Amino acid sequence: MPMQLLQRLAEAEMPVTLSDPAEIHQLRILVAVGHVFATVPLPYYGLDGRWCQEAATVHCVTALGFKVLRYFAPADKASTIAKDRGS
């Protein structure tokens, strides 16, 4: 779920590299709604006939991303994020 990924990214030291295609798909959603800044390479069709996806790099969680976590994260996690970010 994108919210769980956002929660994990908010607690991580940046930059974060993701290589799992399922996580990269969730990351695309987070980038589209403005919760993170990330470099996500486009998938490409490989010579072996399969889709390939290179790793994505998350540069930072935006202020909007932290605000969303503050309001929609589980209560114990939301208070930790608010304290860490001084909001």
N, C-alpha and C. Protein backbone atom coordinates (compact mmCIF):
# COMPACT_ATOMS: atom_id res chain seq x y z
N MET A 1 0.82 -1.17 0.00
CA MET A 1 0.00 0.00 0.00
C MET A 1 0.87 1.25 0.00
N PRO A 2 0.54 2.27 -0.78
CA PRO A 2 1.38 3.46 -0.83
C PRO A 2 1.56 4.15 0.52
N MET A 3 0.55 4.13 1.38
CA MET A 3 0.70 4.78 2.69
C MET A 3 1.76 4.09 3.54
N GLN A 4 1.82 2.78 3.46
CA GLN A 4 2.85 2.06 4.23
C GLN A 4 4.24 2.37 3.69
N LEU A 5 4.35 2.49 2.37
CA LEU A 5 5.64 2.86 1.78
C LEU A 5 6.00 4.28 2.19
N LEU A 6 5.05 5.19 2.16
CA LEU A 6 5.29 6.57 2.59
C LEU A 6 5.75 6.61 4.04
N GLN A 7 5.13 5.83 4.89
CA GLN A 7 5.51 5.75 6.30
C GLN A 7 6.96 5.28 6.42
N ARG A 8 7.30 4.25 5.68
CA ARG A 8 8.66 3.70 5.73
C ARG A 8 9.68 4.72 5.22
N LEU A 9 9.32 5.44 4.15
CA LEU A 9 10.23 6.43 3.60
C LEU A 9 10.42 7.61 4.54
N ALA A 10 9.38 7.99 5.26
CA ALA A 10 9.46 9.11 6.19
C ALA A 10 10.42 8.81 7.35
N GLU A 11 10.57 7.56 7.68
CA GLU A 11 11.44 7.17 8.78
C GLU A 11 12.86 6.83 8.33
N ALA A 12 13.10 6.79 7.01
CA ALA A 12 14.39 6.37 6.47
C ALA A 12 15.32 7.56 6.25
N GLU A 13 16.59 7.26 6.18
CA GLU A 13 17.62 8.24 5.85
C GLU A 13 17.65 8.37 4.32
N MET A 14 17.59 9.58 3.81
CA MET A 14 17.55 9.81 2.36
C MET A 14 18.94 9.94 1.79
N PRO A 15 19.16 9.59 0.55
CA PRO A 15 18.23 9.03 -0.43
C PRO A 15 18.03 7.54 -0.22
N VAL A 16 16.87 7.06 -0.67
CA VAL A 16 16.51 5.64 -0.57
C VAL A 16 16.39 5.09 -1.98
N THR A 17 16.95 3.91 -2.20
CA THR A 17 16.85 3.25 -3.50
C THR A 17 15.89 2.08 -3.39
N LEU A 18 14.93 2.03 -4.31
CA LEU A 18 13.96 0.94 -4.36
C LEU A 18 14.15 0.16 -5.65
N SER A 19 14.18 -1.16 -5.55
CA SER A 19 14.35 -1.96 -6.75
C SER A 19 13.21 -2.95 -6.99
N ASP A 20 12.34 -3.14 -6.01
CA ASP A 20 11.20 -4.04 -6.16
C ASP A 20 10.15 -3.39 -7.07
N PRO A 21 9.75 -4.05 -8.16
CA PRO A 21 8.77 -3.45 -9.08
C PRO A 21 7.45 -3.07 -8.41
N ALA A 22 6.99 -3.82 -7.43
CA ALA A 22 5.75 -3.48 -6.74
C ALA A 22 5.91 -2.18 -5.94
N GLU A 23 7.05 -2.02 -5.29
CA GLU A 23 7.30 -0.78 -4.55
C GLU A 23 7.47 0.41 -5.49
N ILE A 24 8.08 0.18 -6.64
CA ILE A 24 8.26 1.25 -7.61
C ILE A 24 6.90 1.69 -8.15
N HIS A 25 5.99 0.76 -8.34
CA HIS A 25 4.63 1.12 -8.77
C HIS A 25 3.95 2.00 -7.71
N GLN A 26 4.09 1.65 -6.45
CA GLN A 26 3.53 2.45 -5.36
C GLN A 26 4.22 3.82 -5.30
N LEU A 27 5.52 3.84 -5.55
CA LEU A 27 6.26 5.08 -5.55
C LEU A 27 5.77 6.02 -6.64
N ARG A 28 5.43 5.48 -7.80
CA ARG A 28 4.89 6.31 -8.88
C ARG A 28 3.61 7.03 -8.42
N ILE A 29 2.80 6.34 -7.65
CA ILE A 29 1.57 6.96 -7.11
C ILE A 29 1.93 8.08 -6.15
N LEU A 30 2.88 7.84 -5.26
CA LEU A 30 3.29 8.87 -4.30
C LEU A 30 3.89 10.09 -4.99
N VAL A 31 4.63 9.87 -6.07
CA VAL A 31 5.19 10.99 -6.84
C VAL A 31 4.06 11.76 -7.51
N ALA A 32 3.10 11.05 -8.09
CA ALA A 32 2.00 11.69 -8.82
C ALA A 32 1.15 12.59 -7.93
N VAL A 33 0.95 12.20 -6.68
CA VAL A 33 0.13 13.01 -5.78
C VAL A 33 0.95 14.03 -5.00
N GLY A 34 2.27 14.05 -5.19
CA GLY A 34 3.11 15.07 -4.59
C GLY A 34 3.59 14.78 -3.19
N HIS A 35 3.61 13.52 -2.78
CA HIS A 35 4.05 13.18 -1.43
C HIS A 35 5.55 12.97 -1.32
N VAL A 36 6.21 12.67 -2.44
CA VAL A 36 7.67 12.48 -2.44
C VAL A 36 8.27 13.06 -3.72
N PHE A 37 9.56 13.39 -3.65
CA PHE A 37 10.34 13.70 -4.84
C PHE A 37 11.21 12.48 -5.09
N ALA A 38 11.14 11.96 -6.32
CA ALA A 38 11.89 10.76 -6.63
C ALA A 38 12.25 10.72 -8.12
N THR A 39 13.30 9.98 -8.42
CA THR A 39 13.69 9.71 -9.80
C THR A 39 13.26 8.28 -10.09
N VAL A 40 12.30 8.14 -11.01
CA VAL A 40 11.75 6.81 -11.33
C VAL A 40 11.95 6.57 -12.82
N PRO A 41 12.90 5.70 -13.18
CA PRO A 41 13.11 5.41 -14.60
C PRO A 41 11.90 4.68 -15.21
N LEU A 42 11.65 4.95 -16.47
CA LEU A 42 10.57 4.26 -17.16
C LEU A 42 10.92 2.80 -17.38
N PRO A 43 9.94 1.91 -17.31
CA PRO A 43 10.21 0.51 -17.63
C PRO A 43 10.48 0.38 -19.13
N TYR A 44 11.22 -0.64 -19.49
CA TYR A 44 11.52 -0.85 -20.91
C TYR A 44 11.38 -2.33 -21.24
N TYR A 45 11.18 -2.58 -22.50
CA TYR A 45 11.01 -3.95 -23.00
C TYR A 45 12.38 -4.50 -23.32
N GLY A 46 12.81 -5.52 -22.58
CA GLY A 46 14.14 -6.08 -22.74
C GLY A 46 14.28 -6.98 -23.96
N LEU A 47 15.49 -7.29 -24.30
CA LEU A 47 15.77 -8.16 -25.44
C LEU A 47 15.28 -9.59 -25.21
N ASP A 48 15.11 -9.96 -23.96
CA ASP A 48 14.63 -11.31 -23.65
C ASP A 48 13.11 -11.41 -23.72
N GLY A 49 12.44 -10.32 -24.08
CA GLY A 49 10.98 -10.35 -24.24
C GLY A 49 10.20 -10.04 -22.99
N ARG A 50 10.87 -9.55 -21.95
CA ARG A 50 10.18 -9.20 -20.71
C ARG A 50 10.37 -7.73 -20.39
N TRP A 51 9.44 -7.20 -19.57
CA TRP A 51 9.57 -5.83 -19.13
C TRP A 51 10.63 -5.76 -18.04
N CYS A 52 11.45 -4.73 -18.10
CA CYS A 52 12.52 -4.52 -17.12
C CYS A 52 12.31 -3.17 -16.44
N GLN A 53 12.69 -3.12 -15.19
CA GLN A 53 12.55 -1.88 -14.42
C GLN A 53 13.84 -1.65 -13.64
N GLU A 54 14.48 -0.52 -13.89
CA GLU A 54 15.67 -0.16 -13.12
C GLU A 54 15.25 0.44 -11.78
N ALA A 55 16.18 0.51 -10.86
CA ALA A 55 15.90 1.01 -9.50
C ALA A 55 15.50 2.48 -9.52
N ALA A 56 14.66 2.84 -8.58
CA ALA A 56 14.22 4.23 -8.40
C ALA A 56 14.89 4.80 -7.15
N THR A 57 15.08 6.11 -7.14
CA THR A 57 15.70 6.78 -6.01
C THR A 57 14.75 7.81 -5.44
N VAL A 58 14.47 7.71 -4.14
CA VAL A 58 13.63 8.69 -3.45
C VAL A 58 14.56 9.71 -2.84
N HIS A 59 14.33 10.99 -3.17
CA HIS A 59 15.20 12.06 -2.68
C HIS A 59 14.68 12.66 -1.38
N CYS A 60 13.36 12.83 -1.26
CA CYS A 60 12.81 13.37 -0.02
C CYS A 60 11.30 13.17 0.02
N VAL A 61 10.78 13.20 1.23
CA VAL A 61 9.33 13.22 1.45
C VAL A 61 8.96 14.69 1.56
N THR A 62 7.93 15.12 0.85
CA THR A 62 7.53 16.52 0.84
C THR A 62 6.77 16.90 2.11
N ALA A 63 6.57 18.19 2.28
CA ALA A 63 5.78 18.67 3.42
C ALA A 63 4.36 18.11 3.35
N LEU A 64 3.81 18.02 2.15
CA LEU A 64 2.48 17.43 1.98
C LEU A 64 2.48 15.96 2.41
N GLY A 65 3.55 15.23 2.08
CA GLY A 65 3.66 13.84 2.49
C GLY A 65 3.66 13.69 4.00
N PHE A 66 4.40 14.58 4.69
CA PHE A 66 4.42 14.52 6.15
C PHE A 66 3.07 14.90 6.74
N LYS A 67 2.39 15.86 6.11
CA LYS A 67 1.08 16.25 6.60
C LYS A 67 0.08 15.10 6.46
N VAL A 68 0.14 14.41 5.34
CA VAL A 68 -0.75 13.26 5.12
C VAL A 68 -0.48 12.19 6.17
N LEU A 69 0.78 11.94 6.45
CA LEU A 69 1.11 10.94 7.47
C LEU A 69 0.63 11.38 8.85
N ARG A 70 0.74 12.66 9.13
CA ARG A 70 0.29 13.14 10.44
C ARG A 70 -1.20 12.89 10.64
N TYR A 71 -1.99 13.02 9.56
CA TYR A 71 -3.43 12.86 9.69
C TYR A 71 -3.93 11.44 9.44
N PHE A 72 -3.21 10.65 8.63
CA PHE A 72 -3.73 9.35 8.24
C PHE A 72 -2.90 8.16 8.70
N ALA A 73 -1.75 8.38 9.31
CA ALA A 73 -0.94 7.27 9.81
C ALA A 73 -1.55 6.76 11.12
N PRO A 74 -1.21 5.55 11.54
CA PRO A 74 -1.66 5.07 12.84
C PRO A 74 -1.23 6.04 13.94
N ALA A 75 -2.00 6.14 15.00
CA ALA A 75 -1.79 7.15 16.04
C ALA A 75 -0.38 7.12 16.62
N ASP A 76 0.18 5.94 16.88
CA ASP A 76 1.51 5.88 17.47
C ASP A 76 2.58 6.37 16.51
N LYS A 77 2.42 6.12 15.24
CA LYS A 77 3.40 6.56 14.25
C LYS A 77 3.26 8.05 13.94
N ALA A 78 2.05 8.54 13.88
CA ALA A 78 1.81 9.95 13.54
C ALA A 78 2.46 10.88 14.55
N SER A 79 2.36 10.56 15.83
CA SER A 79 2.95 11.42 16.84
C SER A 79 4.47 11.42 16.74
N THR A 80 5.06 10.29 16.39
CA THR A 80 6.51 10.20 16.23
C THR A 80 6.96 11.07 15.07
N ILE A 81 6.25 11.04 13.96
CA ILE A 81 6.63 11.83 12.79
C ILE A 81 6.48 13.32 13.10
N ALA A 82 5.42 13.71 13.77
CA ALA A 82 5.20 15.12 14.11
C ALA A 82 6.33 15.64 15.00
N LYS A 83 6.78 14.82 15.95
CA LYS A 83 7.86 15.23 16.84
C LYS A 83 9.17 15.34 16.09
N ASP A 84 9.45 14.37 15.20
CA ASP A 84 10.71 14.36 14.46
C ASP A 84 10.83 15.55 13.52
N ARG A 85 9.74 15.95 12.92
CA ARG A 85 9.78 17.00 11.91
C ARG A 85 9.46 18.38 12.46
N GLY A 86 9.13 18.46 13.75
CA GLY A 86 8.88 19.73 14.38
C GLY A 86 7.62 20.41 13.91
N SER A 87 6.61 19.64 13.46
CA SER A 87 5.37 20.25 13.00
C SER A 87 4.28 20.20 14.03
